[in-house]
């Protein structure tokens, strides 16, 4: 479970970085089009940073993960060990950049 939490935190960090990058790119394009509008007026304005931010608003903080807060499973479930191995393989694949052991 701890590895899954680490992976989810890593994924959340990546998504926040992507969102910041999108916001910065929009700001740059917006400033460029404002400069271009002075020279060559266009009927297609670029969205303002506020308009773009409203369109791609960040959903907020990541939900808190609590150890043992997942769904309860029936005791003696034979597939549980295989599922744990599958999750570990997928996590290793993503965390090790496609070099899962």
C-alpha atoms as a PDB file:
ATOM      1  CA  UNK A   1       0.000   0.000   0.000  1.00  0.00           C
ATOM      2  CA  UNK A   2       2.877   2.369   0.769  1.00  0.00           C
ATOM      3  CA  UNK A   3       4.270   1.936  -2.748  1.00  0.00           C
ATOM      4  CA  UNK A   4       0.877   2.761  -4.242  1.00  0.00           C
ATOM      5  CA  UNK A   5       0.683   5.907  -2.129  1.00  0.00           C
ATOM      6  CA  UNK A   6       4.169   6.956  -3.263  1.00  0.00           C
ATOM      7  CA  UNK A   7       3.207   6.358  -6.878  1.00  0.00           C
ATOM      8  CA  UNK A   8       0.003   8.384  -6.505  1.00  0.00           C
ATOM      9  CA  UNK A   9       1.922  11.257  -4.913  1.00  0.00           C
ATOM     10  CA  UNK A  10       4.454  11.128  -7.748  1.00  0.00           C
ATOM     11  CA  UNK A  11       1.633  11.156 -10.297  1.00  0.00           C
ATOM     12  CA  UNK A  12      -0.030  14.084  -8.534  1.00  0.00           C
ATOM     13  CA  UNK A  13       3.254  16.026  -8.560  1.00  0.00           C
ATOM     14  CA  UNK A  14       3.595  15.386 -12.292  1.00  0.00           C
ATOM     15  CA  UNK A  15       0.064  16.572 -12.966  1.00  0.00           C
ATOM     16  CA  UNK A  16       0.575  19.743 -10.937  1.00  0.00           C
ATOM     17  CA  UNK A  17       3.761  20.460 -12.890  1.00  0.00           C
ATOM     18  CA  UNK A  18       1.893  19.896 -16.167  1.00  0.00           C
ATOM     19  CA  UNK A  19      -0.859  22.256 -15.038  1.00  0.00           C
ATOM     20  CA  UNK A  20       1.640  24.970 -14.094  1.00  0.00           C
ATOM     21  CA  UNK A  21       3.263  24.541 -17.505  1.00  0.00           C
ATOM     22  CA  UNK A  22      -0.062  24.892 -19.301  1.00  0.00           C
ATOM     23  CA  UNK A  23      -0.853  28.040 -17.384  1.00  0.00           C
ATOM     24  CA  UNK A  24       2.555  29.527 -18.173  1.00  0.00           C
ATOM     25  CA  UNK A  25       2.290  28.640 -21.874  1.00  0.00           C
ATOM     26  CA  UNK A  26      -1.121  30.263 -22.074  1.00  0.00           C
ATOM     27  CA  UNK A  27       0.230  33.388 -20.401  1.00  0.00           C
ATOM     28  CA  UNK A  28       3.084  33.521 -22.928  1.00  0.00           C
ATOM     29  CA  UNK A  29       0.793  33.019 -25.918  1.00  0.00           C
ATOM     30  CA  UNK A  30      -1.630  35.584 -24.549  1.00  0.00           C
ATOM     31  CA  UNK A  31       1.117  38.201 -24.158  1.00  0.00           C
ATOM     32  CA  UNK A  32       2.377  37.435 -27.660  1.00  0.00           C
ATOM     33  CA  UNK A  33      -1.076  37.824 -29.224  1.00  0.00           C
ATOM     34  CA  UNK A  34      -1.604  41.096 -27.341  1.00  0.00           C
ATOM     35  CA  UNK A  35       1.617  42.349 -28.926  1.00  0.00           C
ATOM     36  CA  UNK A  36       0.558  41.051 -32.354  1.00  0.00           C
ATOM     37  CA  UNK A  37      -2.916  42.618 -32.041  1.00  0.00           C
ATOM     38  CA  UNK A  38      -1.298  46.044 -32.037  1.00  0.00           C
ATOM     39  CA  UNK A  39       0.347  45.321 -35.387  1.00  0.00           C
ATOM     40  CA  UNK A  40      -2.131  42.950 -37.065  1.00  0.00           C
ATOM     41  CA  UNK A  41      -5.637  42.918 -35.577  1.00  0.00           C
ATOM     42  CA  UNK A  42      -7.187  39.456 -35.505  1.00  0.00           C
ATOM     43  CA  UNK A  43     -10.807  38.389 -35.010  1.00  0.00           C
ATOM     44  CA  UNK A  44      -9.536  35.388 -32.976  1.00  0.00           C
ATOM     45  CA  UNK A  45      -8.369  36.620 -29.572  1.00  0.00           C
ATOM     46  CA  UNK A  46      -6.370  34.350 -27.277  1.00  0.00           C
ATOM     47  CA  UNK A  47      -8.077  33.590 -23.953  1.00  0.00           C
ATOM     48  CA  UNK A  48      -6.957  35.730 -21.046  1.00  0.00           C
ATOM     49  CA  UNK A  49      -5.147  33.961 -18.204  1.00  0.00           C
ATOM     50  CA  UNK A  50      -8.334  34.202 -16.126  1.00  0.00           C
ATOM     51  CA  UNK A  51     -10.469  32.662 -18.902  1.00  0.00           C
ATOM     52  CA  UNK A  52      -7.956  29.881 -19.472  1.00  0.00           C
ATOM     53  CA  UNK A  53      -7.625  29.252 -15.736  1.00  0.00           C
ATOM     54  CA  UNK A  54     -11.392  28.909 -15.421  1.00  0.00           C
ATOM     55  CA  UNK A  55     -11.408  26.391 -18.281  1.00  0.00           C
ATOM     56  CA  UNK A  56      -8.604  24.195 -16.938  1.00  0.00           C
ATOM     57  CA  UNK A  57      -9.027  24.833 -13.224  1.00  0.00           C
ATOM     58  CA  UNK A  58      -6.951  22.626 -10.946  1.00  0.00           C
ATOM     59  CA  UNK A  59      -9.314  20.262  -9.103  1.00  0.00           C
ATOM     60  CA  UNK A  60      -7.721  20.963  -5.741  1.00  0.00           C
ATOM     61  CA  UNK A  61      -5.718  18.964  -3.303  1.00  0.00           C
ATOM     62  CA  UNK A  62      -5.223  15.264  -3.682  1.00  0.00           C
ATOM     63  CA  UNK A  63      -7.458  13.124  -1.472  1.00  0.00           C
ATOM     64  CA  UNK A  64      -5.740  11.876   1.636  1.00  0.00           C
ATOM     65  CA  UNK A  65      -4.734   8.243   1.514  1.00  0.00           C
ATOM     66  CA  UNK A  66      -5.094   6.334   4.720  1.00  0.00           C
ATOM     67  CA  UNK A  67      -3.449   3.009   5.333  1.00  0.00           C
ATOM     68  CA  UNK A  68      -6.067   0.318   5.635  1.00  0.00           C
ATOM     69  CA  UNK A  69      -8.862   2.567   4.397  1.00  0.00           C
ATOM     70  CA  UNK A  70      -9.417   0.556   1.225  1.00  0.00           C
ATOM     71  CA  UNK A  71     -12.249  -1.872   0.594  1.00  0.00           C
ATOM     72  CA  UNK A  72     -12.389  -4.842   2.889  1.00  0.00           C
ATOM     73  CA  UNK A  73     -11.655  -8.202   1.338  1.00  0.00           C
ATOM     74  CA  UNK A  74     -12.818 -11.599   2.344  1.00  0.00           C
ATOM     75  CA  UNK A  75     -10.256 -13.607   4.327  1.00  0.00           C
ATOM     76  CA  UNK A  76      -8.573 -16.368   2.361  1.00  0.00           C
ATOM     77  CA  UNK A  77      -8.875 -14.614  -0.994  1.00  0.00           C
ATOM     78  CA  UNK A  78      -6.417 -16.487  -3.234  1.00  0.00           C
ATOM     79  CA  UNK A  79      -6.282 -13.730  -5.842  1.00  0.00           C
ATOM     80  CA  UNK A  80      -5.065 -11.114  -3.350  1.00  0.00           C
ATOM     81  CA  UNK A  81      -1.412 -12.189  -3.574  1.00  0.00           C
ATOM     82  CA  UNK A  82      -1.532 -12.154  -7.375  1.00  0.00           C
ATOM     83  CA  UNK A  83      -3.141  -8.701  -7.369  1.00  0.00           C
ATOM     84  CA  UNK A  84      -0.397  -7.418  -5.055  1.00  0.00           C
ATOM     85  CA  UNK A  85       2.240  -8.808  -7.422  1.00  0.00           C
ATOM     86  CA  UNK A  86       0.494  -7.227 -10.417  1.00  0.00           C
ATOM     87  CA  UNK A  87       0.295  -3.825  -8.712  1.00  0.00           C
ATOM     88  CA  UNK A  88       3.955  -4.057  -7.689  1.00  0.00           C
ATOM     89  CA  UNK A  89       4.940  -4.858 -11.287  1.00  0.00           C
ATOM     90  CA  UNK A  90       2.976  -1.906 -12.681  1.00  0.00           C
ATOM     91  CA  UNK A  91       4.384   0.446 -10.052  1.00  0.00           C
ATOM     92  CA  UNK A  92       7.932  -0.717 -10.755  1.00  0.00           C
ATOM     93  CA  UNK A  93       7.323  -0.227 -14.467  1.00  0.00           C
ATOM     94  CA  UNK A  94       6.262   3.405 -14.013  1.00  0.00           C
ATOM     95  CA  UNK A  95       8.640   4.340 -11.227  1.00  0.00           C
ATOM     96  CA  UNK A  96      11.643   2.773 -12.942  1.00  0.00           C
ATOM     97  CA  UNK A  97      10.799   4.290 -16.321  1.00  0.00           C
ATOM     98  CA  UNK A  98       9.707   1.122 -18.117  1.00  0.00           C
ATOM     99  CA  UNK A  99      12.405  -1.121 -16.644  1.00  0.00           C
ATOM    100  CA  UNK A 100      10.239  -3.318 -14.429  1.00  0.00           C
ATOM    101  CA  UNK A 101      12.042  -6.254 -12.900  1.00  0.00           C
END
